[in-house]
Amino acid sequence: MKKKIMMVDDDVDLIAIFQPVLEKAGYEVATANDSKEGFELFKTFKPDAVFVDLAMEHFDSGFVLCHRIKSLPEGKSVPVIIMTAASHETGIRFSTQTEEERRWIQADDYLDKPVPPKELLAYIAEKLFQDEHA
């Protein structure tokens, strides 16, 4: 059975790049362009992993979406990864290294944009679905 990956990002160009790459690698992909749509999609799509942009309709939209997903019983076990360029733009670094940081951010990991598609595929294979095939 294919692993399901959900991407939530208001950058439609980024989604247009990543979606076919992930699908070609054997993943089922669903996308949303804002946090409200993303939350509804999470409940219906039931993904195995979620990638969320930090700043969408508001600077903290990604954080809010992560909190909403992790507040659901089914969201507690799904890896949620923030992908953002905010650290480049603001100089503020985010981290998910400690349990306290993960609890505050409500994300399981953090990736700095830009993320080359090849690196995203490697990240998924190594960190999310190690020993499993799409």
C-alpha atoms as a PDB file:
ATOM      1  CA  MET A   1       0.000   0.000   0.000  1.00  0.00           C
ATOM      2  CA  LYS A   2       1.335   3.445  -0.918  1.00  0.00           C
ATOM      3  CA  LYS A   3       2.379   5.788   1.854  1.00  0.00           C
ATOM      4  CA  LYS A   4       0.321   8.970   1.926  1.00  0.00           C
ATOM      5  CA  ILE A   5       2.015  12.357   2.139  1.00  0.00           C
ATOM      6  CA  MET A   6       0.176  15.615   2.671  1.00  0.00           C
ATOM      7  CA  MET A   7       1.714  18.991   1.798  1.00  0.00           C
ATOM      8  CA  VAL A   8       0.259  22.296   2.977  1.00  0.00           C
ATOM      9  CA  ASP A   9       1.832  25.376   1.411  1.00  0.00           C
ATOM     10  CA  ASP A  10       0.494  28.577  -0.128  1.00  0.00           C
ATOM     11  CA  ASP A  11       3.316  28.473  -2.686  1.00  0.00           C
ATOM     12  CA  VAL A  12       1.580  26.706  -5.572  1.00  0.00           C
ATOM     13  CA  ASP A  13       4.837  26.595  -7.538  1.00  0.00           C
ATOM     14  CA  LEU A  14       6.514  24.632  -4.759  1.00  0.00           C
ATOM     15  CA  ILE A  15       3.651  22.142  -4.652  1.00  0.00           C
ATOM     16  CA  ALA A  16       3.778  21.872  -8.459  1.00  0.00           C
ATOM     17  CA  ILE A  17       7.441  20.864  -8.139  1.00  0.00           C
ATOM     18  CA  PHE A  18       7.151  18.439  -5.223  1.00  0.00           C
ATOM     19  CA  GLN A  19       3.888  16.636  -5.988  1.00  0.00           C
ATOM     20  CA  PRO A  20       4.992  14.907  -9.233  1.00  0.00           C
ATOM     21  CA  VAL A  21       8.401  14.060  -7.733  1.00  0.00           C
ATOM     22  CA  LEU A  22       6.762  12.386  -4.727  1.00  0.00           C
ATOM     23  CA  GLU A  23       4.170  10.617  -6.871  1.00  0.00           C
ATOM     24  CA  LYS A  24       6.871   9.327  -9.233  1.00  0.00           C
ATOM     25  CA  ALA A  25       8.667   7.941  -6.149  1.00  0.00           C
ATOM     26  CA  GLY A  26       5.520   5.948  -5.339  1.00  0.00           C
ATOM     27  CA  TYR A  27       3.783   8.111  -2.735  1.00  0.00           C
ATOM     28  CA  GLU A  28       0.149   9.150  -2.771  1.00  0.00           C
ATOM     29  CA  VAL A  29       0.118  12.939  -2.389  1.00  0.00           C
ATOM     30  CA  ALA A  30      -2.612  15.370  -1.378  1.00  0.00           C
ATOM     31  CA  THR A  31      -2.108  19.114  -1.128  1.00  0.00           C
ATOM     32  CA  ALA A  32      -3.725  22.168   0.412  1.00  0.00           C
ATOM     33  CA  ASN A  33      -2.919  25.856   0.062  1.00  0.00           C
ATOM     34  CA  ASP A  34      -3.890  27.158   3.502  1.00  0.00           C
ATOM     35  CA  SER A  35      -4.209  25.936   7.067  1.00  0.00           C
ATOM     36  CA  LYS A  36      -8.009  25.631   7.103  1.00  0.00           C
ATOM     37  CA  GLU A  37      -8.020  23.517   3.943  1.00  0.00           C
ATOM     38  CA  GLY A  38      -5.062  21.554   5.311  1.00  0.00           C
ATOM     39  CA  PHE A  39      -6.835  20.689   8.551  1.00  0.00           C
ATOM     40  CA  GLU A  40      -9.920  19.428   6.702  1.00  0.00           C
ATOM     41  CA  LEU A  41      -7.718  17.471   4.288  1.00  0.00           C
ATOM     42  CA  PHE A  42      -5.837  15.860   7.180  1.00  0.00           C
ATOM     43  CA  LYS A  43      -9.093  14.468   8.581  1.00  0.00           C
ATOM     44  CA  THR A  44     -10.248  12.995   5.250  1.00  0.00           C
ATOM     45  CA  PHE A  45      -6.946  11.985   3.592  1.00  0.00           C
ATOM     46  CA  LYS A  46      -5.446  10.346   6.708  1.00  0.00           C
ATOM     47  CA  PRO A  47      -1.792  10.866   5.696  1.00  0.00           C
ATOM     48  CA  ASP A  48       1.232   8.937   6.934  1.00  0.00           C
ATOM     49  CA  ALA A  49       3.280  12.179   7.035  1.00  0.00           C
ATOM     50  CA  VAL A  50       2.555  15.909   6.761  1.00  0.00           C
ATOM     51  CA  PHE A  51       4.744  18.764   5.487  1.00  0.00           C
ATOM     52  CA  VAL A  52       3.525  22.216   6.547  1.00  0.00           C
ATOM     53  CA  ASP A  53       4.716  25.674   5.544  1.00  0.00           C
ATOM     54  CA  LEU A  54       5.066  28.023   8.502  1.00  0.00           C
ATOM     55  CA  ALA A  55       3.845  31.329   7.053  1.00  0.00           C
ATOM     56  CA  MET A  56       0.746  31.019   4.914  1.00  0.00           C
ATOM     57  CA  GLU A  57      -2.298  33.242   5.433  1.00  0.00           C
ATOM     58  CA  HIS A  58      -0.656  34.478   8.679  1.00  0.00           C
ATOM     59  CA  PHE A  59       2.955  34.241   9.866  1.00  0.00           C
ATOM     60  CA  ASP A  60       2.046  31.571  12.438  1.00  0.00           C
ATOM     61  CA  SER A  61      -0.461  29.580  10.329  1.00  0.00           C
ATOM     62  CA  GLY A  62       1.836  26.554  10.159  1.00  0.00           C
ATOM     63  CA  PHE A  63       2.266  26.487  13.942  1.00  0.00           C
ATOM     64  CA  VAL A  64      -1.495  26.727  14.412  1.00  0.00           C
ATOM     65  CA  LEU A  65      -2.094  23.913  11.922  1.00  0.00           C
ATOM     66  CA  CYS A  66       0.507  21.705  13.634  1.00  0.00           C
ATOM     67  CA  HIS A  67      -1.221  22.283  16.991  1.00  0.00           C
ATOM     68  CA  ARG A  68      -4.618  21.472  15.493  1.00  0.00           C
ATOM     69  CA  ILE A  69      -3.353  18.255  13.858  1.00  0.00           C
ATOM     70  CA  LYS A  70      -1.527  17.106  16.998  1.00  0.00           C
ATOM     71  CA  SER A  71      -4.657  17.791  19.094  1.00  0.00           C
ATOM     72  CA  LEU A  72      -6.520  15.070  17.185  1.00  0.00           C
ATOM     73  CA  PRO A  73      -6.127  11.492  18.436  1.00  0.00           C
ATOM     74  CA  GLU A  74      -5.062  10.359  14.942  1.00  0.00           C
ATOM     75  CA  GLY A  75      -2.636  13.293  14.658  1.00  0.00           C
ATOM     76  CA  LYS A  76      -0.502  12.297  17.622  1.00  0.00           C
ATOM     77  CA  SER A  77       1.211   9.457  15.730  1.00  0.00           C
ATOM     78  CA  VAL A  78       1.604  11.167  12.338  1.00  0.00           C
ATOM     79  CA  PRO A  79       4.966  12.882  11.720  1.00  0.00           C
ATOM     80  CA  VAL A  80       4.433  16.594  11.060  1.00  0.00           C
ATOM     81  CA  ILE A  81       7.365  18.465   9.538  1.00  0.00           C
ATOM     82  CA  ILE A  82       7.535  22.229   9.157  1.00  0.00           C
ATOM     83  CA  MET A  83       9.215  23.412   5.954  1.00  0.00           C
ATOM     84  CA  THR A  84       9.895  27.143   5.893  1.00  0.00           C
ATOM     85  CA  ALA A  85      12.192  29.912   4.785  1.00  0.00           C
ATOM     86  CA  ALA A  86      11.282  31.964   7.876  1.00  0.00           C
ATOM     87  CA  SER A  87      14.685  31.498   9.496  1.00  0.00           C
ATOM     88  CA  HIS A  88      16.356  33.000   6.410  1.00  0.00           C
ATOM     89  CA  GLU A  89      13.887  35.879   6.312  1.00  0.00           C
ATOM     90  CA  THR A  90      13.766  36.682  10.038  1.00  0.00           C
ATOM     91  CA  GLY A  91      16.997  35.293  11.443  1.00  0.00           C
ATOM     92  CA  ILE A  92      14.952  33.311  13.979  1.00  0.00           C
ATOM     93  CA  ARG A  93      15.977  29.657  14.131  1.00  0.00           C
ATOM     94  CA  PHE A  94      13.450  27.006  15.001  1.00  0.00           C
ATOM     95  CA  SER A  95      14.399  23.688  16.461  1.00  0.00           C
ATOM     96  CA  THR A  96      12.780  20.363  17.296  1.00  0.00           C
ATOM     97  CA  GLN A  97      15.823  18.923  19.015  1.00  0.00           C
ATOM     98  CA  THR A  98      14.391  18.701  22.529  1.00  0.00           C
ATOM     99  CA  GLU A  99      11.094  17.343  23.803  1.00  0.00           C
ATOM    100  CA  GLU A 100      10.231  20.835  25.099  1.00  0.00           C
ATOM    101  CA  GLU A 101      10.753  22.381  21.637  1.00  0.00           C
ATOM    102  CA  ARG A 102       8.684  19.661  19.949  1.00  0.00           C
ATOM    103  CA  ARG A 103       5.928  20.172  22.533  1.00  0.00           C
ATOM    104  CA  TRP A 104       5.936  23.958  21.978  1.00  0.00           C
ATOM    105  CA  ILE A 105       6.122  23.827  18.193  1.00  0.00           C
ATOM    106  CA  GLN A 106       3.943  20.691  17.915  1.00  0.00           C
ATOM    107  CA  ALA A 107       6.025  19.473  14.989  1.00  0.00           C
ATOM    108  CA  ASP A 108       8.255  16.443  14.810  1.00  0.00           C
ATOM    109  CA  ASP A 109      10.932  18.076  12.694  1.00  0.00           C
ATOM    110  CA  TYR A 110      11.867  21.226  10.837  1.00  0.00           C
ATOM    111  CA  LEU A 111      13.387  21.733   7.395  1.00  0.00           C
ATOM    112  CA  ASP A 112      14.799  24.989   6.044  1.00  0.00           C
ATOM    113  CA  LYS A 113      13.597  25.980   2.588  1.00  0.00           C
ATOM    114  CA  PRO A 114      14.639  25.718  -0.091  1.00  0.00           C
ATOM    115  CA  VAL A 115      14.654  21.927   0.036  1.00  0.00           C
ATOM    116  CA  PRO A 116      15.781  20.357  -3.238  1.00  0.00           C
ATOM    117  CA  PRO A 117      13.366  17.590  -4.311  1.00  0.00           C
ATOM    118  CA  LYS A 118      16.146  14.967  -4.174  1.00  0.00           C
ATOM    119  CA  GLU A 119      16.905  15.939  -0.557  1.00  0.00           C
ATOM    120  CA  LEU A 120      13.222  15.758   0.357  1.00  0.00           C
ATOM    121  CA  LEU A 121      13.010  12.232  -1.063  1.00  0.00           C
ATOM    122  CA  ALA A 122      16.128  11.227   0.886  1.00  0.00           C
ATOM    123  CA  TYR A 123      14.711  12.779   4.077  1.00  0.00           C
ATOM    124  CA  ILE A 124      11.436  10.885   3.673  1.00  0.00           C
ATOM    125  CA  ALA A 125      13.223   7.581   3.038  1.00  0.00           C
ATOM    126  CA  GLU A 126      15.713   8.009   5.891  1.00  0.00           C
ATOM    127  CA  LYS A 127      13.688   9.734   8.598  1.00  0.00           C
ATOM    128  CA  LEU A 128      10.050   8.843   8.008  1.00  0.00           C
ATOM    129  CA  PHE A 129       9.712   5.532   6.270  1.00  0.00           C
ATOM    130  CA  GLN A 130      13.104   3.859   6.890  1.00  0.00           C
ATOM    131  CA  ASP A 131      12.763   0.122   6.061  1.00  0.00           C
ATOM    132  CA  GLU A 132       9.480   0.631   4.219  1.00  0.00           C
ATOM    133  CA  HIS A 133       8.766   1.091   0.562  1.00  0.00           C
ATOM    134  CA  ALA A 134       6.274   3.576  -0.798  1.00  0.00           C
END
